[in-house]
Amino acid sequence: MPFPYLDETRELDDSARKEAGGSFIKLTDGITHYELRGPESGQLIVLVHGFSVPYFIFDPTFEFLTQAGFRVLRYDLFGRGYSDRPRMKYDIHLFVRQLRDLLDALNLKDITLLGLSMGGTVTASFIARYPEVVRRHVLIDPAGVQRIQISILLEATKLPIFGELVFGLFGSGSMIKSLASDIFDKKLVEHFQTQYKIQMQFKGFKRAILSSMRSGMLDSFYETYERVGSLKKPTLLFWGRNDTTTPFGNSDMLVKAMPHAEFHAVDDCSHIPHYERPEVVNPILLKFLS
């Protein structure tokens, strides 16, 4: 019997998905919510979001790139947004398989991958397995350089039963409050939190987040970054100087793993520089892609 998270009151069914916009496609492990826009002749850019914030995190980047003439795909990872919450292990194999299945279903090849936070772990793992598919790689404050440090209480949530109880009693408030640390400009926090809450009403969200924690998605993937670095694909790296989620100091380690990467530190910015400082990030991104 599934654990009864009382604030997850809605089924993620067809009627709920009518609210979402975008498109839906059935893949091996369930339905994926995605948006594909831009001229068919445009260079293909695929945006992969992080641990828990769904694809709205790319709103400014998606609009900028499509208006610049690129063909851009963004999608919700399983367990997030309007994508399914399958009853399975939410590990790196699931997320790499989801990306591969989605690209195959949409017949997309020769792409540039952009990974934000945990999306960096997903994109690097994908490139390590399918290097022939990817032309360029963009990383924004990527996770997986070192194991992400979490509190003793969160560490304890990996224990069966205890984790479900903690997430059931305190999970919603804690996740919403933690978003504030990702944002340097506090004027953006309330709007960001309002968008984030939408996915939390659908059954299976907390189960997916808890499984991701238990399945190693916050662990180190440094050896994967080293393998990808050895391929020497054109790589662009952004990092907010004020990031505490994936600390700015980790950038030194990643540059060692990928010494060919073009690195840009973004001032007055936390974990999501593309969202907070698009006026800084977008021109650099455009030059790299062009």
C-alpha atoms as a PDB file:
ATOM      1  CA  MET A   1       0.000   0.000   0.000  1.00  0.00           C
ATOM      2  CA  PRO A   2       1.448   3.420  -0.953  1.00  0.00           C
ATOM      3  CA  PHE A   3       2.258   5.858   1.835  1.00  0.00           C
ATOM      4  CA  PRO A   4      -0.583   8.408   2.155  1.00  0.00           C
ATOM      5  CA  TYR A   5       0.961  11.849   1.594  1.00  0.00           C
ATOM      6  CA  LEU A   6      -2.089  13.893   2.568  1.00  0.00           C
ATOM      7  CA  ASP A   7      -1.268  16.997   0.526  1.00  0.00           C
ATOM      8  CA  GLU A   8      -0.951  14.959  -2.684  1.00  0.00           C
ATOM      9  CA  THR A   9      -4.642  15.085  -3.527  1.00  0.00           C
ATOM     10  CA  ARG A  10      -4.817  14.777  -7.316  1.00  0.00           C
ATOM     11  CA  GLU A  11      -4.207  12.061  -9.872  1.00  0.00           C
ATOM     12  CA  LEU A  12      -1.904  13.014 -12.727  1.00  0.00           C
ATOM     13  CA  ASP A  13      -4.406  12.081 -15.419  1.00  0.00           C
ATOM     14  CA  ASP A  14      -5.509  13.465 -18.775  1.00  0.00           C
ATOM     15  CA  SER A  15      -7.735  16.112 -17.226  1.00  0.00           C
ATOM     16  CA  ALA A  16      -4.854  17.390 -15.077  1.00  0.00           C
ATOM     17  CA  ARG A  17      -2.514  17.462 -18.045  1.00  0.00           C
ATOM     18  CA  LYS A  18      -4.870  19.714 -19.984  1.00  0.00           C
ATOM     19  CA  GLU A  19      -3.734  22.490 -17.631  1.00  0.00           C
ATOM     20  CA  ALA A  20      -0.104  22.043 -18.496  1.00  0.00           C
ATOM     21  CA  GLY A  21       0.434  23.160 -22.050  1.00  0.00           C
ATOM     22  CA  GLY A  22       3.221  21.528 -23.997  1.00  0.00           C
ATOM     23  CA  SER A  23       2.992  17.982 -25.352  1.00  0.00           C
ATOM     24  CA  PHE A  24       2.956  14.436 -23.985  1.00  0.00           C
ATOM     25  CA  ILE A  25       4.454  11.210 -25.244  1.00  0.00           C
ATOM     26  CA  LYS A  26       4.417   7.612 -23.957  1.00  0.00           C
ATOM     27  CA  LEU A  27       7.907   6.242 -23.423  1.00  0.00           C
ATOM     28  CA  THR A  28       9.236   2.971 -21.996  1.00  0.00           C
ATOM     29  CA  ASP A  29       8.700   3.966 -18.362  1.00  0.00           C
ATOM     30  CA  GLY A  30       5.694   6.268 -18.668  1.00  0.00           C
ATOM     31  CA  ILE A  31       4.352   9.504 -20.106  1.00  0.00           C
ATOM     32  CA  THR A  32       6.765  12.420 -20.489  1.00  0.00           C
ATOM     33  CA  HIS A  33       5.714  16.073 -20.617  1.00  0.00           C
ATOM     34  CA  TYR A  34       7.780  18.107 -23.082  1.00  0.00           C
ATOM     35  CA  GLU A  35       7.854  21.203 -25.254  1.00  0.00           C
ATOM     36  CA  LEU A  36       9.608  21.347 -28.627  1.00  0.00           C
ATOM     37  CA  ARG A  37       9.703  24.659 -30.425  1.00  0.00           C
ATOM     38  CA  GLY A  38      11.693  26.577 -33.002  1.00  0.00           C
ATOM     39  CA  PRO A  39      12.370  26.162 -36.729  1.00  0.00           C
ATOM     40  CA  GLU A  40      12.899  22.570 -37.871  1.00  0.00           C
ATOM     41  CA  SER A  41      16.095  23.666 -39.595  1.00  0.00           C
ATOM     42  CA  GLY A  42      17.489  25.156 -36.377  1.00  0.00           C
ATOM     43  CA  GLN A  43      20.342  23.669 -34.370  1.00  0.00           C
ATOM     44  CA  LEU A  44      18.926  21.298 -31.727  1.00  0.00           C
ATOM     45  CA  ILE A  45      19.308  22.238 -28.065  1.00  0.00           C
ATOM     46  CA  VAL A  46      17.984  19.943 -25.303  1.00  0.00           C
ATOM     47  CA  LEU A  47      17.477  21.386 -21.802  1.00  0.00           C
ATOM     48  CA  VAL A  48      17.589  19.046 -18.780  1.00  0.00           C
ATOM     49  CA  HIS A  49      16.457  20.463 -15.430  1.00  0.00           C
ATOM     50  CA  GLY A  50      17.637  19.618 -11.934  1.00  0.00           C
ATOM     51  CA  PHE A  51      16.619  17.638  -8.874  1.00  0.00           C
ATOM     52  CA  SER A  52      13.079  18.819  -8.240  1.00  0.00           C
ATOM     53  CA  VAL A  53      12.183  22.002 -10.173  1.00  0.00           C
ATOM     54  CA  PRO A  54      10.477  21.050 -13.477  1.00  0.00           C
ATOM     55  CA  TYR A  55      10.990  22.570 -16.889  1.00  0.00           C
ATOM     56  CA  PHE A  56       9.615  26.014 -16.057  1.00  0.00           C
ATOM     57  CA  ILE A  57      13.112  26.664 -14.679  1.00  0.00           C
ATOM     58  CA  PHE A  58      14.142  27.181 -18.312  1.00  0.00           C
ATOM     59  CA  ASP A  59      11.473  29.761 -19.194  1.00  0.00           C
ATOM     60  CA  PRO A  60      13.893  32.623 -19.998  1.00  0.00           C
ATOM     61  CA  THR A  61      16.423  30.368 -21.737  1.00  0.00           C
ATOM     62  CA  PHE A  62      13.776  28.577 -23.802  1.00  0.00           C
ATOM     63  CA  GLU A  63      12.277  31.843 -25.046  1.00  0.00           C
ATOM     64  CA  PHE A  64      15.679  33.340 -25.813  1.00  0.00           C
ATOM     65  CA  LEU A  65      16.965  30.352 -27.786  1.00  0.00           C
ATOM     66  CA  THR A  66      13.816  29.793 -29.819  1.00  0.00           C
ATOM     67  CA  GLN A  67      13.664  33.478 -30.734  1.00  0.00           C
ATOM     68  CA  ALA A  68      17.313  33.263 -31.781  1.00  0.00           C
ATOM     69  CA  GLY A  69      16.408  30.560 -34.307  1.00  0.00           C
ATOM     70  CA  PHE A  70      17.333  27.383 -32.446  1.00  0.00           C
ATOM     71  CA  ARG A  71      15.096  24.310 -32.175  1.00  0.00           C
ATOM     72  CA  VAL A  72      14.747  23.695 -28.454  1.00  0.00           C
ATOM     73  CA  LEU A  73      13.428  20.749 -26.438  1.00  0.00           C
ATOM     74  CA  ARG A  74      12.700  20.895 -22.732  1.00  0.00           C
ATOM     75  CA  TYR A  75      10.960  18.199 -20.707  1.00  0.00           C
ATOM     76  CA  ASP A  76      10.025  17.135 -17.177  1.00  0.00           C
ATOM     77  CA  LEU A  77      12.081  14.350 -15.660  1.00  0.00           C
ATOM     78  CA  PHE A  78      10.025  11.435 -14.347  1.00  0.00           C
ATOM     79  CA  GLY A  79       8.534  12.250 -10.959  1.00  0.00           C
ATOM     80  CA  ARG A  80       8.532  15.985 -11.640  1.00  0.00           C
ATOM     81  CA  GLY A  81       6.195  18.474 -13.276  1.00  0.00           C
ATOM     82  CA  TYR A  82       3.577  16.782 -15.433  1.00  0.00           C
ATOM     83  CA  SER A  83       5.611  13.672 -16.308  1.00  0.00           C
ATOM     84  CA  ASP A  84       4.567  10.318 -14.840  1.00  0.00           C
ATOM     85  CA  ARG A  85       5.681   9.119 -11.418  1.00  0.00           C
ATOM     86  CA  PRO A  86       6.352   5.429 -12.197  1.00  0.00           C
ATOM     87  CA  ARG A  87       6.780   3.023  -9.280  1.00  0.00           C
ATOM     88  CA  MET A  88      10.435   2.220  -9.777  1.00  0.00           C
ATOM     89  CA  LYS A  89      13.933   3.206  -8.728  1.00  0.00           C
ATOM     90  CA  TYR A  90      14.700   6.844  -9.596  1.00  0.00           C
ATOM     91  CA  ASP A  91      18.375   6.373 -10.403  1.00  0.00           C
ATOM     92  CA  ILE A  92      20.689   7.635 -13.142  1.00  0.00           C
ATOM     93  CA  HIS A  93      19.729   4.714 -15.406  1.00  0.00           C
ATOM     94  CA  LEU A  94      16.076   5.787 -15.397  1.00  0.00           C
ATOM     95  CA  PHE A  95      16.879   9.394 -16.302  1.00  0.00           C
ATOM     96  CA  VAL A  96      19.378   8.488 -19.032  1.00  0.00           C
ATOM     97  CA  ARG A  97      16.884   6.015 -20.498  1.00  0.00           C
ATOM     98  CA  GLN A  98      14.132   8.645 -20.434  1.00  0.00           C
ATOM     99  CA  LEU A  99      16.308  11.096 -22.381  1.00  0.00           C
ATOM    100  CA  ARG A 100      17.371   8.454 -24.915  1.00  0.00           C
ATOM    101  CA  ASP A 101      13.783   7.271 -25.422  1.00  0.00           C
ATOM    102  CA  LEU A 102      12.546  10.833 -25.862  1.00  0.00           C
ATOM    103  CA  LEU A 103      15.180  11.701 -28.458  1.00  0.00           C
ATOM    104  CA  ASP A 104      14.457   8.486 -30.362  1.00  0.00           C
ATOM    105  CA  ALA A 105      10.691   9.019 -30.244  1.00  0.00           C
ATOM    106  CA  LEU A 106      11.064  12.557 -31.613  1.00  0.00           C
ATOM    107  CA  ASN A 107      13.810  11.499 -34.057  1.00  0.00           C
ATOM    108  CA  LEU A 108      16.281  14.080 -32.747  1.00  0.00           C
ATOM    109  CA  LYS A 109      20.003  13.659 -33.404  1.00  0.00           C
ATOM    110  CA  ASP A 110      23.196  15.730 -33.403  1.00  0.00           C
ATOM    111  CA  ILE A 111      22.194  17.783 -30.369  1.00  0.00           C
ATOM    112  CA  THR A 112      23.623  20.210 -27.859  1.00  0.00           C
ATOM    113  CA  LEU A 113      22.831  19.117 -24.295  1.00  0.00           C
ATOM    114  CA  LEU A 114      22.355  21.682 -21.525  1.00  0.00           C
ATOM    115  CA  GLY A 115      22.195  20.361 -17.977  1.00  0.00           C
ATOM    116  CA  LEU A 116      21.292  22.366 -14.877  1.00  0.00           C
ATOM    117  CA  SER A 117      22.273  21.094 -11.413  1.00  0.00           C
ATOM    118  CA  MET A 118      21.284  17.382 -11.339  1.00  0.00           C
ATOM    119  CA  GLY A 119      20.625  17.793 -15.055  1.00  0.00           C
ATOM    120  CA  GLY A 120      24.400  18.060 -15.397  1.00  0.00           C
ATOM    121  CA  THR A 121      24.720  14.599 -13.881  1.00  0.00           C
ATOM    122  CA  VAL A 122      22.112  13.312 -16.342  1.00  0.00           C
ATOM    123  CA  THR A 123      23.674  14.969 -19.405  1.00  0.00           C
ATOM    124  CA  ALA A 124      27.205  13.872 -18.523  1.00  0.00           C
ATOM    125  CA  SER A 125      26.040  10.291 -17.941  1.00  0.00           C
ATOM    126  CA  PHE A 126      24.166  10.385 -21.248  1.00  0.00           C
ATOM    127  CA  ILE A 127      27.228  11.616 -23.151  1.00  0.00           C
ATOM    128  CA  ALA A 128      29.429   8.978 -21.520  1.00  0.00           C
ATOM    129  CA  ARG A 129      27.061   6.326 -22.868  1.00  0.00           C
ATOM    130  CA  TYR A 130      26.020   7.904 -26.189  1.00  0.00           C
ATOM    131  CA  PRO A 131      28.844  10.262 -27.235  1.00  0.00           C
ATOM    132  CA  GLU A 132      27.925  10.053 -30.912  1.00  0.00           C
ATOM    133  CA  VAL A 133      24.575  11.776 -30.331  1.00  0.00           C
ATOM    134  CA  VAL A 134      25.897  14.978 -28.746  1.00  0.00           C
ATOM    135  CA  ARG A 135      27.708  17.830 -30.493  1.00  0.00           C
ATOM    136  CA  ARG A 136      28.221  20.245 -27.592  1.00  0.00           C
ATOM    137  CA  HIS A 137      27.685  20.314 -23.831  1.00  0.00           C
ATOM    138  CA  VAL A 138      26.556  23.181 -21.582  1.00  0.00           C
ATOM    139  CA  LEU A 139      26.607  22.887 -17.778  1.00  0.00           C
ATOM    140  CA  ILE A 140      25.010  25.294 -15.314  1.00  0.00           C
ATOM    141  CA  ASP A 141      25.987  24.873 -11.635  1.00  0.00           C
ATOM    142  CA  PRO A 142      26.149  21.096 -12.136  1.00  0.00           C
ATOM    143  CA  ALA A 143      25.631  18.601  -9.343  1.00  0.00           C
ATOM    144  CA  GLY A 144      27.714  15.460  -8.968  1.00  0.00           C
ATOM    145  CA  VAL A 145      31.173  17.042  -8.758  1.00  0.00           C
ATOM    146  CA  GLN A 146      31.094  16.082  -5.093  1.00  0.00           C
ATOM    147  CA  ARG A 147      28.392  14.424  -3.061  1.00  0.00           C
ATOM    148  CA  ILE A 148      25.819  17.081  -2.135  1.00  0.00           C
ATOM    149  CA  GLN A 149      25.914  17.758   1.597  1.00  0.00           C
ATOM    150  CA  ILE A 150      22.545  17.379   3.294  1.00  0.00           C
ATOM    151  CA  SER A 151      21.417  17.653   6.908  1.00  0.00           C
ATOM    152  CA  ILE A 152      21.471  14.724   9.324  1.00  0.00           C
ATOM    153  CA  LEU A 153      17.675  14.634   9.200  1.00  0.00           C
ATOM    154  CA  LEU A 154      17.612  14.425   5.402  1.00  0.00           C
ATOM    155  CA  GLU A 155      20.293  11.749   5.509  1.00  0.00           C
ATOM    156  CA  ALA A 156      18.060   9.778   7.864  1.00  0.00           C
ATOM    157  CA  THR A 157      15.149   9.972   5.430  1.00  0.00           C
ATOM    158  CA  LYS A 158      16.933   7.354   3.346  1.00  0.00           C
ATOM    159  CA  LEU A 159      15.847   4.850   6.004  1.00  0.00           C
ATOM    160  CA  PRO A 160      12.651   2.908   5.135  1.00  0.00           C
ATOM    161  CA  ILE A 161       9.463   4.109   6.842  1.00  0.00           C
ATOM    162  CA  PHE A 162      11.246   6.942   8.675  1.00  0.00           C
ATOM    163  CA  GLY A 163      11.825   8.770   5.414  1.00  0.00           C
ATOM    164  CA  GLU A 164       8.184   8.488   4.429  1.00  0.00           C
ATOM    165  CA  LEU A 165       7.073   9.813   7.806  1.00  0.00           C
ATOM    166  CA  VAL A 166       9.427  12.808   7.694  1.00  0.00           C
ATOM    167  CA  PHE A 167       8.476  13.661   4.113  1.00  0.00           C
ATOM    168  CA  GLY A 168       4.814  13.292   4.986  1.00  0.00           C
ATOM    169  CA  LEU A 169       4.980  15.576   8.015  1.00  0.00           C
ATOM    170  CA  PHE A 170       7.540  18.186   6.948  1.00  0.00           C
ATOM    171  CA  GLY A 171       8.443  17.575   3.315  1.00  0.00           C
ATOM    172  CA  SER A 172       6.256  20.121   1.555  1.00  0.00           C
ATOM    173  CA  GLY A 173       7.181  23.108   3.687  1.00  0.00           C
ATOM    174  CA  SER A 174      10.862  22.224   3.742  1.00  0.00           C
ATOM    175  CA  MET A 175      11.109  21.818  -0.031  1.00  0.00           C
ATOM    176  CA  ILE A 176       9.333  25.098  -0.705  1.00  0.00           C
ATOM    177  CA  LYS A 177      11.477  26.997   1.806  1.00  0.00           C
ATOM    178  CA  SER A 178      14.696  25.471   0.460  1.00  0.00           C
ATOM    179  CA  LEU A 179      14.057  27.054  -2.937  1.00  0.00           C
ATOM    180  CA  ALA A 180      14.922  30.446  -1.452  1.00  0.00           C
ATOM    181  CA  SER A 181      18.563  29.405  -1.069  1.00  0.00           C
ATOM    182  CA  ASP A 182      18.780  28.769  -4.818  1.00  0.00           C
ATOM    183  CA  ILE A 183      17.940  32.412  -5.584  1.00  0.00           C
ATOM    184  CA  PHE A 184      20.169  35.407  -4.892  1.00  0.00           C
ATOM    185  CA  ASP A 185      17.537  38.015  -5.814  1.00  0.00           C
ATOM    186  CA  LYS A 186      14.870  37.512  -3.145  1.00  0.00           C
ATOM    187  CA  LYS A 187      12.277  39.406  -5.209  1.00  0.00           C
ATOM    188  CA  LEU A 188      12.054  36.308  -7.418  1.00  0.00           C
ATOM    189  CA  VAL A 189      11.408  33.820  -4.610  1.00  0.00           C
ATOM    190  CA  GLU A 190       7.623  34.079  -4.246  1.00  0.00           C
ATOM    191  CA  HIS A 191       6.905  33.696  -7.973  1.00  0.00           C
ATOM    192  CA  PHE A 192       9.319  30.756  -8.152  1.00  0.00           C
ATOM    193  CA  GLN A 193       7.704  29.010  -5.182  1.00  0.00           C
ATOM    194  CA  THR A 194       4.195  29.498  -6.606  1.00  0.00           C
ATOM    195  CA  GLN A 195       5.174  27.741  -9.830  1.00  0.00           C
ATOM    196  CA  TYR A 196       6.922  24.959  -7.924  1.00  0.00           C
ATOM    197  CA  LYS A 197       3.905  24.129  -5.733  1.00  0.00           C
ATOM    198  CA  ILE A 198       1.756  23.068  -8.700  1.00  0.00           C
ATOM    199  CA  GLN A 199       3.511  19.707  -9.151  1.00  0.00           C
ATOM    200  CA  MET A 200       3.309  18.914  -5.439  1.00  0.00           C
ATOM    201  CA  GLN A 201      -0.440  18.303  -5.495  1.00  0.00           C
ATOM    202  CA  PHE A 202      -0.093  15.262  -7.774  1.00  0.00           C
ATOM    203  CA  LYS A 203       0.298  11.825  -6.231  1.00  0.00           C
ATOM    204  CA  GLY A 204       3.761  10.307  -6.419  1.00  0.00           C
ATOM    205  CA  PHE A 205       5.859  13.477  -6.246  1.00  0.00           C
ATOM    206  CA  LYS A 206       7.364  12.912  -2.790  1.00  0.00           C
ATOM    207  CA  ARG A 207       7.840   9.207  -3.481  1.00  0.00           C
ATOM    208  CA  ALA A 208       9.886  10.111  -6.576  1.00  0.00           C
ATOM    209  CA  ILE A 209      11.981  12.705  -4.728  1.00  0.00           C
ATOM    210  CA  LEU A 210      12.670  10.315  -1.864  1.00  0.00           C
ATOM    211  CA  SER A 211      13.611   7.517  -4.264  1.00  0.00           C
ATOM    212  CA  SER A 212      16.010   9.872  -6.091  1.00  0.00           C
ATOM    213  CA  MET A 213      17.778  10.582  -2.804  1.00  0.00           C
ATOM    214  CA  ARG A 214      17.925   6.904  -1.919  1.00  0.00           C
ATOM    215  CA  SER A 215      19.124   5.940  -5.398  1.00  0.00           C
ATOM    216  CA  GLY A 216      22.290   8.009  -5.459  1.00  0.00           C
ATOM    217  CA  MET A 217      21.224  11.070  -7.425  1.00  0.00           C
ATOM    218  CA  LEU A 218      22.906  13.357  -4.857  1.00  0.00           C
ATOM    219  CA  ASP A 219      26.160  11.354  -4.882  1.00  0.00           C
ATOM    220  CA  SER A 220      29.425  12.114  -6.678  1.00  0.00           C
ATOM    221  CA  PHE A 221      29.639  11.476 -10.423  1.00  0.00           C
ATOM    222  CA  TYR A 222      33.128  12.927 -10.744  1.00  0.00           C
ATOM    223  CA  GLU A 223      34.508   9.951 -12.668  1.00  0.00           C
ATOM    224  CA  THR A 224      31.703  10.401 -15.209  1.00  0.00           C
ATOM    225  CA  TYR A 225      32.693  14.042 -15.693  1.00  0.00           C
ATOM    226  CA  GLU A 226      36.312  12.924 -16.167  1.00  0.00           C
ATOM    227  CA  ARG A 227      35.275  10.423 -18.857  1.00  0.00           C
ATOM    228  CA  VAL A 228      33.225  13.055 -20.637  1.00  0.00           C
ATOM    229  CA  GLY A 229      36.098  15.519 -20.303  1.00  0.00           C
ATOM    230  CA  SER A 230      38.412  13.080 -22.084  1.00  0.00           C
ATOM    231  CA  LEU A 231      36.109  13.253 -25.131  1.00  0.00           C
ATOM    232  CA  LYS A 232      36.932  16.982 -25.429  1.00  0.00           C
ATOM    233  CA  LYS A 233      33.555  17.942 -26.829  1.00  0.00           C
ATOM    234  CA  PRO A 234      33.032  21.726 -26.894  1.00  0.00           C
ATOM    235  CA  THR A 235      31.844  22.523 -23.365  1.00  0.00           C
ATOM    236  CA  LEU A 236      30.529  25.698 -21.736  1.00  0.00           C
ATOM    237  CA  LEU A 237      30.337  25.988 -17.943  1.00  0.00           C
ATOM    238  CA  PHE A 238      28.455  28.601 -15.889  1.00  0.00           C
ATOM    239  CA  TRP A 239      28.544  28.864 -12.090  1.00  0.00           C
ATOM    240  CA  GLY A 240      26.925  31.391  -9.750  1.00  0.00           C
ATOM    241  CA  ARG A 241      29.483  32.763  -7.299  1.00  0.00           C
ATOM    242  CA  ASN A 242      26.938  32.743  -4.459  1.00  0.00           C
ATOM    243  CA  ASP A 243      25.749  29.169  -5.008  1.00  0.00           C
ATOM    244  CA  THR A 244      25.459  27.148  -1.803  1.00  0.00           C
ATOM    245  CA  THR A 245      23.498  24.204  -3.274  1.00  0.00           C
ATOM    246  CA  THR A 246      26.365  23.099  -5.519  1.00  0.00           C
ATOM    247  CA  PRO A 247      29.068  25.302  -3.975  1.00  0.00           C
ATOM    248  CA  PHE A 248      31.069  27.579  -6.240  1.00  0.00           C
ATOM    249  CA  GLY A 249      34.280  25.959  -4.984  1.00  0.00           C
ATOM    250  CA  ASN A 250      33.309  22.787  -6.845  1.00  0.00           C
ATOM    251  CA  SER A 251      33.987  24.626 -10.105  1.00  0.00           C
ATOM    252  CA  ASP A 252      37.748  24.194  -9.592  1.00  0.00           C
ATOM    253  CA  MET A 253      37.331  20.421  -9.461  1.00  0.00           C
ATOM    254  CA  LEU A 254      35.133  20.327 -12.538  1.00  0.00           C
ATOM    255  CA  VAL A 255      37.557  22.440 -14.551  1.00  0.00           C
ATOM    256  CA  LYS A 256      40.258  19.883 -13.686  1.00  0.00           C
ATOM    257  CA  ALA A 257      37.997  17.109 -15.006  1.00  0.00           C
ATOM    258  CA  MET A 258      37.155  19.171 -18.113  1.00  0.00           C
ATOM    259  CA  PRO A 259      40.173  21.445 -18.698  1.00  0.00           C
ATOM    260  CA  HIS A 260      39.013  22.307 -22.218  1.00  0.00           C
ATOM    261  CA  ALA A 261      35.720  23.807 -20.928  1.00  0.00           C
ATOM    262  CA  GLU A 262      35.009  27.510 -21.349  1.00  0.00           C
ATOM    263  CA  PHE A 263      34.249  28.661 -17.792  1.00  0.00           C
ATOM    264  CA  HIS A 264      32.229  31.711 -16.716  1.00  0.00           C
ATOM    265  CA  ALA A 265      31.575  32.698 -13.103  1.00  0.00           C
ATOM    266  CA  VAL A 266      28.415  34.780 -12.684  1.00  0.00           C
ATOM    267  CA  ASP A 267      28.460  37.467 -10.004  1.00  0.00           C
ATOM    268  CA  ASP A 268      25.545  38.288  -7.669  1.00  0.00           C
ATOM    269  CA  CYS A 269      23.919  34.991  -8.455  1.00  0.00           C
ATOM    270  CA  SER A 270      23.150  31.730  -6.685  1.00  0.00           C
ATOM    271  CA  HIS A 271      22.204  28.318  -8.150  1.00  0.00           C
ATOM    272  CA  ILE A 272      20.301  29.362 -11.288  1.00  0.00           C
ATOM    273  CA  PRO A 273      22.310  32.045 -13.156  1.00  0.00           C
ATOM    274  CA  HIS A 274      20.443  31.513 -16.435  1.00  0.00           C
ATOM    275  CA  TYR A 275      17.191  32.384 -14.618  1.00  0.00           C
ATOM    276  CA  GLU A 276      18.471  35.224 -12.432  1.00  0.00           C
ATOM    277  CA  ARG A 277      21.016  36.800 -14.784  1.00  0.00           C
ATOM    278  CA  PRO A 278      19.895  36.045 -18.353  1.00  0.00           C
ATOM    279  CA  GLU A 279      21.397  39.350 -19.497  1.00  0.00           C
ATOM    280  CA  VAL A 280      24.815  37.896 -18.574  1.00  0.00           C
ATOM    281  CA  VAL A 281      24.306  34.254 -19.532  1.00  0.00           C
ATOM    282  CA  ASN A 282      22.410  34.556 -22.819  1.00  0.00           C
ATOM    283  CA  PRO A 283      25.012  36.480 -24.871  1.00  0.00           C
ATOM    284  CA  ILE A 284      27.750  34.041 -23.813  1.00  0.00           C
ATOM    285  CA  LEU A 285      25.503  31.077 -24.583  1.00  0.00           C
ATOM    286  CA  LEU A 286      24.612  32.454 -28.003  1.00  0.00           C
ATOM    287  CA  LYS A 287      28.262  33.052 -28.913  1.00  0.00           C
ATOM    288  CA  PHE A 288      29.167  29.495 -27.862  1.00  0.00           C
ATOM    289  CA  LEU A 289      26.327  27.926 -29.848  1.00  0.00           C
ATOM    290  CA  SER A 290      27.065  30.031 -32.902  1.00  0.00           C
END
